[in-house]
Amino acid sequence: MCCARAARDGLPPARAWSLAAEAASAGADATAGMRPRLGRASYLGERAFGVPDGGAAAVSIWLGTVARR
């Protein structure tokens, strides 16, 4: 369930943020198996496999911090 849907369903904002943080973490983890095509990571090529995208990981950390506040 995404944060917007959680809010529409009447969940408390803290729970909605928590769900958003969980989704962001799962999304960041999923980028580890992707080959970067743009940005600085694209220069790494095959060496980037197994490492989550830095931007996705950062957003995941930010959302996790907001969710804990």
PDB file of N, CA and C in Angstrom:
ATOM      1  N   MET A   1       0.850  -1.170   0.000  1.00  0.00           N
ATOM      2  CA  MET A   1       0.000   0.000   0.000  1.00  0.00           C
ATOM      3  C   MET A   1       0.896   1.233   0.000  1.00  0.00           C
ATOM      4  N   CYS A   2       0.587   2.186  -0.860  1.00  0.00           N
ATOM      5  CA  CYS A   2       1.411   3.394  -0.920  1.00  0.00           C
ATOM      6  C   CYS A   2       0.933   4.424   0.101  1.00  0.00           C
ATOM      7  N   CYS A   3       1.740   5.434   0.307  1.00  0.00           N
ATOM      8  CA  CYS A   3       1.452   6.466   1.294  1.00  0.00           C
ATOM      9  C   CYS A   3       0.143   7.190   0.976  1.00  0.00           C
ATOM     10  N   ALA A   4      -0.069   7.552  -0.288  1.00  0.00           N
ATOM     11  CA  ALA A   4      -1.292   8.267  -0.662  1.00  0.00           C
ATOM     12  C   ALA A   4      -2.519   7.401  -0.415  1.00  0.00           C
ATOM     13  N   ARG A   5      -2.438   6.137  -0.767  1.00  0.00           N
ATOM     14  CA  ARG A   5      -3.575   5.239  -0.541  1.00  0.00           C
ATOM     15  C   ARG A   5      -3.825   5.060   0.953  1.00  0.00           C
ATOM     16  N   ALA A   6      -2.765   4.952   1.722  1.00  0.00           N
ATOM     17  CA  ALA A   6      -2.902   4.811   3.170  1.00  0.00           C
ATOM     18  C   ALA A   6      -3.614   6.022   3.754  1.00  0.00           C
ATOM     19  N   ALA A   7      -3.267   7.202   3.282  1.00  0.00           N
ATOM     20  CA  ALA A   7      -3.912   8.422   3.762  1.00  0.00           C
ATOM     21  C   ALA A   7      -5.384   8.442   3.361  1.00  0.00           C
ATOM     22  N   ARG A   8      -5.666   8.062   2.119  1.00  0.00           N
ATOM     23  CA  ARG A   8      -7.062   8.008   1.659  1.00  0.00           C
ATOM     24  C   ARG A   8      -7.871   7.007   2.462  1.00  0.00           C
ATOM     25  N   ASP A   9      -7.227   5.912   2.864  1.00  0.00           N
ATOM     26  CA  ASP A   9      -7.917   4.870   3.633  1.00  0.00           C
ATOM     27  C   ASP A   9      -8.067   5.234   5.104  1.00  0.00           C
ATOM     28  N   GLY A  10      -7.593   6.422   5.471  1.00  0.00           N
ATOM     29  CA  GLY A  10      -7.785   6.903   6.831  1.00  0.00           C
ATOM     30  C   GLY A  10      -6.751   6.443   7.836  1.00  0.00           C
ATOM     31  N   LEU A  11      -5.649   5.893   7.357  1.00  0.00           N
ATOM     32  CA  LEU A  11      -4.590   5.510   8.301  1.00  0.00           C
ATOM     33  C   LEU A  11      -3.960   6.773   8.874  1.00  0.00           C
ATOM     34  N   PRO A  12      -3.457   6.692  10.080  1.00  0.00           N
ATOM     35  CA  PRO A  12      -2.773   7.855  10.660  1.00  0.00           C
ATOM     36  C   PRO A  12      -1.571   8.249   9.792  1.00  0.00           C
ATOM     37  N   PRO A  13      -1.253   9.544   9.743  1.00  0.00           N
ATOM     38  CA  PRO A  13      -0.121   9.990   8.923  1.00  0.00           C
ATOM     39  C   PRO A  13       1.180   9.249   9.248  1.00  0.00           C
ATOM     40  N   ALA A  14       1.425   8.965  10.510  1.00  0.00           N
ATOM     41  CA  ALA A  14       2.660   8.261  10.874  1.00  0.00           C
ATOM     42  C   ALA A  14       2.720   6.888  10.203  1.00  0.00           C
ATOM     43  N   ARG A  15       1.597   6.201  10.136  1.00  0.00           N
ATOM     44  CA  ARG A  15       1.562   4.885   9.482  1.00  0.00           C
ATOM     45  C   ARG A  15       1.748   5.032   7.981  1.00  0.00           C
ATOM     46  N   ALA A  16       1.148   6.068   7.403  1.00  0.00           N
ATOM     47  CA  ALA A  16       1.299   6.308   5.965  1.00  0.00           C
ATOM     48  C   ALA A  16       2.773   6.575   5.624  1.00  0.00           C
ATOM     49  N   TRP A  17       3.444   7.379   6.436  1.00  0.00           N
ATOM     50  CA  TRP A  17       4.868   7.651   6.215  1.00  0.00           C
ATOM     51  C   TRP A  17       5.694   6.379   6.376  1.00  0.00           C
ATOM     52  N   SER A  18       5.331   5.566   7.342  1.00  0.00           N
ATOM     53  CA  SER A  18       6.040   4.310   7.559  1.00  0.00           C
ATOM     54  C   SER A  18       5.913   3.395   6.339  1.00  0.00           C
ATOM     55  N   LEU A  19       4.718   3.323   5.783  1.00  0.00           N
ATOM     56  CA  LEU A  19       4.509   2.509   4.576  1.00  0.00           C
ATOM     57  C   LEU A  19       5.301   3.059   3.392  1.00  0.00           C
ATOM     58  N   ALA A  20       5.359   4.386   3.295  1.00  0.00           N
ATOM     59  CA  ALA A  20       6.136   5.003   2.220  1.00  0.00           C
ATOM     60  C   ALA A  20       7.616   4.672   2.369  1.00  0.00           C
ATOM     61  N   ALA A  21       8.108   4.706   3.596  1.00  0.00           N
ATOM     62  CA  ALA A  21       9.515   4.382   3.849  1.00  0.00           C
ATOM     63  C   ALA A  21       9.810   2.928   3.506  1.00  0.00           C
ATOM     64  N   GLU A  22       8.897   2.028   3.850  1.00  0.00           N
ATOM     65  CA  GLU A  22       9.071   0.611   3.514  1.00  0.00           C
ATOM     66  C   GLU A  22       9.099   0.406   2.002  1.00  0.00           C
ATOM     67  N   ALA A  23       8.205   1.086   1.296  1.00  0.00           N
ATOM     68  CA  ALA A  23       8.164   0.963  -0.159  1.00  0.00           C
ATOM     69  C   ALA A  23       9.435   1.523  -0.796  1.00  0.00           C
ATOM     70  N   ALA A  24       9.923   2.632  -0.264  1.00  0.00           N
ATOM     71  CA  ALA A  24      11.151   3.226  -0.795  1.00  0.00           C
ATOM     72  C   ALA A  24      12.345   2.305  -0.566  1.00  0.00           C
ATOM     73  N   SER A  25      12.392   1.682   0.579  1.00  0.00           N
ATOM     74  CA  SER A  25      13.485   0.753   0.871  1.00  0.00           C
ATOM     75  C   SER A  25      13.454  -0.445  -0.079  1.00  0.00           C
ATOM     76  N   ALA A  26      12.268  -0.984  -0.296  1.00  0.00           N
ATOM     77  CA  ALA A  26      12.135  -2.111  -1.225  1.00  0.00           C
ATOM     78  C   ALA A  26      12.514  -1.685  -2.647  1.00  0.00           C
ATOM     79  N   GLY A  27      12.104  -0.489  -3.031  1.00  0.00           N
ATOM     80  CA  GLY A  27      12.442   0.016  -4.358  1.00  0.00           C
ATOM     81  C   GLY A  27      13.941   0.220  -4.524  1.00  0.00           C
ATOM     82  N   ALA A  28      14.583   0.765  -3.491  1.00  0.00           N
ATOM     83  CA  ALA A  28      16.033   0.972  -3.553  1.00  0.00           C
ATOM     84  C   ALA A  28      16.753  -0.365  -3.662  1.00  0.00           C
ATOM     85  N   ASP A  29      16.310  -1.334  -2.878  1.00  0.00           N
ATOM     86  CA  ASP A  29      16.926  -2.666  -2.944  1.00  0.00           C
ATOM     87  C   ASP A  29      16.777  -3.275  -4.335  1.00  0.00           C
ATOM     88  N   ALA A  30      15.645  -3.020  -4.969  1.00  0.00           N
ATOM     89  CA  ALA A  30      15.386  -3.582  -6.298  1.00  0.00           C
ATOM     90  C   ALA A  30      16.315  -3.004  -7.365  1.00  0.00           C
ATOM     91  N   THR A  31      16.863  -1.814  -7.125  1.00  0.00           N
ATOM     92  CA  THR A  31      17.745  -1.219  -8.123  1.00  0.00           C
ATOM     93  C   THR A  31      19.102  -1.913  -8.196  1.00  0.00           C
ATOM     94  N   ALA A  32      19.419  -2.738  -7.210  1.00  0.00           N
ATOM     95  CA  ALA A  32      20.720  -3.420  -7.198  1.00  0.00           C
ATOM     96  C   ALA A  32      20.887  -4.350  -8.398  1.00  0.00           C
ATOM     97  N   GLY A  33      19.794  -4.848  -8.936  1.00  0.00           N
ATOM     98  CA  GLY A  33      19.877  -5.742 -10.085  1.00  0.00           C
ATOM     99  C   GLY A  33      19.720  -5.045 -11.423  1.00  0.00           C
ATOM    100  N   MET A  34      19.677  -3.720 -11.408  1.00  0.00           N
ATOM    101  CA  MET A  34      19.496  -2.955 -12.640  1.00  0.00           C
ATOM    102  C   MET A  34      20.826  -2.397 -13.140  1.00  0.00           C
ATOM    103  N   ARG A  35      20.961  -2.318 -14.439  1.00  0.00           N
ATOM    104  CA  ARG A  35      22.151  -1.701 -15.029  1.00  0.00           C
ATOM    105  C   ARG A  35      21.890  -0.211 -15.190  1.00  0.00           C
ATOM    106  N   PRO A  36      22.701   0.637 -14.579  1.00  0.00           N
ATOM    107  CA  PRO A  36      22.474   2.081 -14.703  1.00  0.00           C
ATOM    108  C   PRO A  36      22.691   2.551 -16.133  1.00  0.00           C
ATOM    109  N   ARG A  37      21.797   3.417 -16.598  1.00  0.00           N
ATOM    110  CA  ARG A  37      21.900   3.926 -17.968  1.00  0.00           C
ATOM    111  C   ARG A  37      22.200   5.410 -18.019  1.00  0.00           C
ATOM    112  N   LEU A  38      21.961   6.115 -16.919  1.00  0.00           N
ATOM    113  CA  LEU A  38      22.171   7.561 -16.896  1.00  0.00           C
ATOM    114  C   LEU A  38      22.975   7.956 -15.668  1.00  0.00           C
ATOM    115  N   GLY A  39      23.524   9.146 -15.696  1.00  0.00           N
ATOM    116  CA  GLY A  39      24.233   9.677 -14.539  1.00  0.00           C
ATOM    117  C   GLY A  39      25.597   9.048 -14.326  1.00  0.00           C
ATOM    118  N   ARG A  40      26.184   9.408 -13.197  1.00  0.00           N
ATOM    119  CA  ARG A  40      27.531   8.925 -12.900  1.00  0.00           C
ATOM    120  C   ARG A  40      27.606   7.413 -12.770  1.00  0.00           C
ATOM    121  N   ALA A  41      26.556   6.796 -12.277  1.00  0.00           N
ATOM    122  CA  ALA A  41      26.574   5.334 -12.112  1.00  0.00           C
ATOM    123  C   ALA A  41      26.688   4.625 -13.449  1.00  0.00           C
ATOM    124  N   SER A  42      26.273   5.270 -14.537  1.00  0.00           N
ATOM    125  CA  SER A  42      26.332   4.616 -15.844  1.00  0.00           C
ATOM    126  C   SER A  42      27.770   4.313 -16.262  1.00  0.00           C
ATOM    127  N   TYR A  43      28.731   5.028 -15.713  1.00  0.00           N
ATOM    128  CA  TYR A  43      30.136   4.777 -16.049  1.00  0.00           C
ATOM    129  C   TYR A  43      30.658   3.492 -15.419  1.00  0.00           C
ATOM    130  N   LEU A  44      29.959   2.977 -14.425  1.00  0.00           N
ATOM    131  CA  LEU A  44      30.407   1.773 -13.740  1.00  0.00           C
ATOM    132  C   LEU A  44      30.064   0.497 -14.499  1.00  0.00           C
ATOM    133  N   GLY A  45      29.028   0.548 -15.325  1.00  0.00           N
ATOM    134  CA  GLY A  45      28.640  -0.622 -16.109  1.00  0.00           C
ATOM    135  C   GLY A  45      28.336  -1.817 -15.233  1.00  0.00           C
ATOM    136  N   GLU A  46      28.947  -2.952 -15.557  1.00  0.00           N
ATOM    137  CA  GLU A  46      28.689  -4.207 -14.845  1.00  0.00           C
ATOM    138  C   GLU A  46      29.086  -4.137 -13.370  1.00  0.00           C
ATOM    139  N   ARG A  47      30.004  -3.260 -13.020  1.00  0.00           N
ATOM    140  CA  ARG A  47      30.436  -3.151 -11.619  1.00  0.00           C
ATOM    141  C   ARG A  47      29.332  -2.629 -10.712  1.00  0.00           C
ATOM    142  N   ALA A  48      28.285  -2.034 -11.297  1.00  0.00           N
ATOM    143  CA  ALA A  48      27.187  -1.490 -10.493  1.00  0.00           C
ATOM    144  C   ALA A  48      26.212  -2.569 -10.040  1.00  0.00           C
ATOM    145  N   PHE A  49      26.260  -3.752 -10.659  1.00  0.00           N
ATOM    146  CA  PHE A  49      25.346  -4.823 -10.272  1.00  0.00           C
ATOM    147  C   PHE A  49      25.575  -5.212  -8.820  1.00  0.00           C
ATOM    148  N   GLY A  50      24.491  -5.374  -8.090  1.00  0.00           N
ATOM    149  CA  GLY A  50      24.568  -5.759  -6.693  1.00  0.00           C
ATOM    150  C   GLY A  50      24.620  -4.590  -5.725  1.00  0.00           C
ATOM    151  N   VAL A  51      24.702  -3.374  -6.261  1.00  0.00           N
ATOM    152  CA  VAL A  51      24.768  -2.180  -5.420  1.00  0.00           C
ATOM    153  C   VAL A  51      23.531  -1.323  -5.712  1.00  0.00           C
ATOM    154  N   PRO A  52      22.739  -1.007  -4.692  1.00  0.00           N
ATOM    155  CA  PRO A  52      21.559  -0.169  -4.926  1.00  0.00           C
ATOM    156  C   PRO A  52      21.948   1.215  -5.444  1.00  0.00           C
ATOM    157  N   ASP A  53      21.062   1.815  -6.213  1.00  0.00           N
ATOM    158  CA  ASP A  53      21.264   3.167  -6.717  1.00  0.00           C
ATOM    159  C   ASP A  53      21.407   4.133  -5.540  1.00  0.00           C
ATOM    160  N   GLY A  54      22.394   4.984  -5.611  1.00  0.00           N
ATOM    161  CA  GLY A  54      22.666   5.912  -4.517  1.00  0.00           C
ATOM    162  C   GLY A  54      21.516   6.868  -4.245  1.00  0.00           C
ATOM    163  N   GLY A  55      20.903   7.401  -5.286  1.00  0.00           N
ATOM    164  CA  GLY A  55      19.780   8.316  -5.107  1.00  0.00           C
ATOM    165  C   GLY A  55      18.579   7.627  -4.481  1.00  0.00           C
ATOM    166  N   ALA A  56      18.297   6.423  -4.946  1.00  0.00           N
ATOM    167  CA  ALA A  56      17.167   5.667  -4.384  1.00  0.00           C
ATOM    168  C   ALA A  56      17.432   5.333  -2.916  1.00  0.00           C
ATOM    169  N   ALA A  57      18.662   4.980  -2.606  1.00  0.00           N
ATOM    170  CA  ALA A  57      19.010   4.678  -1.216  1.00  0.00           C
ATOM    171  C   ALA A  57      18.877   5.921  -0.344  1.00  0.00           C
ATOM    172  N   ALA A  58      19.278   7.076  -0.871  1.00  0.00           N
ATOM    173  CA  ALA A  58      19.180   8.315  -0.107  1.00  0.00           C
ATOM    174  C   ALA A  58      17.723   8.663   0.194  1.00  0.00           C
ATOM    175  N   VAL A  59      16.861   8.547  -0.798  1.00  0.00           N
ATOM    176  CA  VAL A  59      15.437   8.835  -0.584  1.00  0.00           C
ATOM    177  C   VAL A  59      14.859   7.873   0.445  1.00  0.00           C
ATOM    178  N   SER A  60      15.279   6.626   0.382  1.00  0.00           N
ATOM    179  CA  SER A  60      14.822   5.637   1.344  1.00  0.00           C
ATOM    180  C   SER A  60      15.214   6.040   2.767  1.00  0.00           C
ATOM    181  N   ILE A  61      16.422   6.513   2.923  1.00  0.00           N
ATOM    182  CA  ILE A  61      16.896   6.954   4.243  1.00  0.00           C
ATOM    183  C   ILE A  61      16.118   8.178   4.712  1.00  0.00           C
ATOM    184  N   TRP A  62      15.883   9.141   3.808  1.00  0.00           N
ATOM    185  CA  TRP A  62      15.136  10.342   4.168  1.00  0.00           C
ATOM    186  C   TRP A  62      13.732   9.984   4.623  1.00  0.00           C
ATOM    187  N   LEU A  63      13.059   9.133   3.847  1.00  0.00           N
ATOM    188  CA  LEU A  63      11.697   8.757   4.222  1.00  0.00           C
ATOM    189  C   LEU A  63      11.673   7.985   5.538  1.00  0.00           C
ATOM    190  N   GLY A  64      12.659   7.143   5.740  1.00  0.00           N
ATOM    191  CA  GLY A  64      12.738   6.422   7.003  1.00  0.00           C
ATOM    192  C   GLY A  64      12.900   7.369   8.185  1.00  0.00           C
ATOM    193  N   THR A  65      13.675   8.420   7.988  1.00  0.00           N
ATOM    194  CA  THR A  65      13.876   9.407   9.043  1.00  0.00           C
ATOM    195  C   THR A  65      12.582  10.160   9.328  1.00  0.00           C
ATOM    196  N   VAL A  66      11.880  10.574   8.277  1.00  0.00           N
ATOM    197  CA  VAL A  66      10.598  11.269   8.454  1.00  0.00           C
ATOM    198  C   VAL A  66       9.600  10.359   9.159  1.00  0.00           C
ATOM    199  N   ALA A  67       9.584   9.092   8.786  1.00  0.00           N
ATOM    200  CA  ALA A  67       8.625   8.148   9.375  1.00  0.00           C
ATOM    201  C   ALA A  67       8.871   7.943  10.865  1.00  0.00           C
ATOM    202  N   ARG A  68      10.109   8.057  11.297  1.00  0.00           N
ATOM    203  CA  ARG A  68      10.429   7.859  12.716  1.00  0.00           C
ATOM    204  C   ARG A  68      10.194   9.101  13.561  1.00  0.00           C
ATOM    205  N   ARG A  69       9.930  10.211  12.962  1.00  0.00           N
ATOM    206  CA  ARG A  69       9.742  11.479  13.703  1.00  0.00           C
ATOM    207  C   ARG A  69       8.346  11.583  14.255  1.00  0.00           C
TER     208      ARG A  69
END
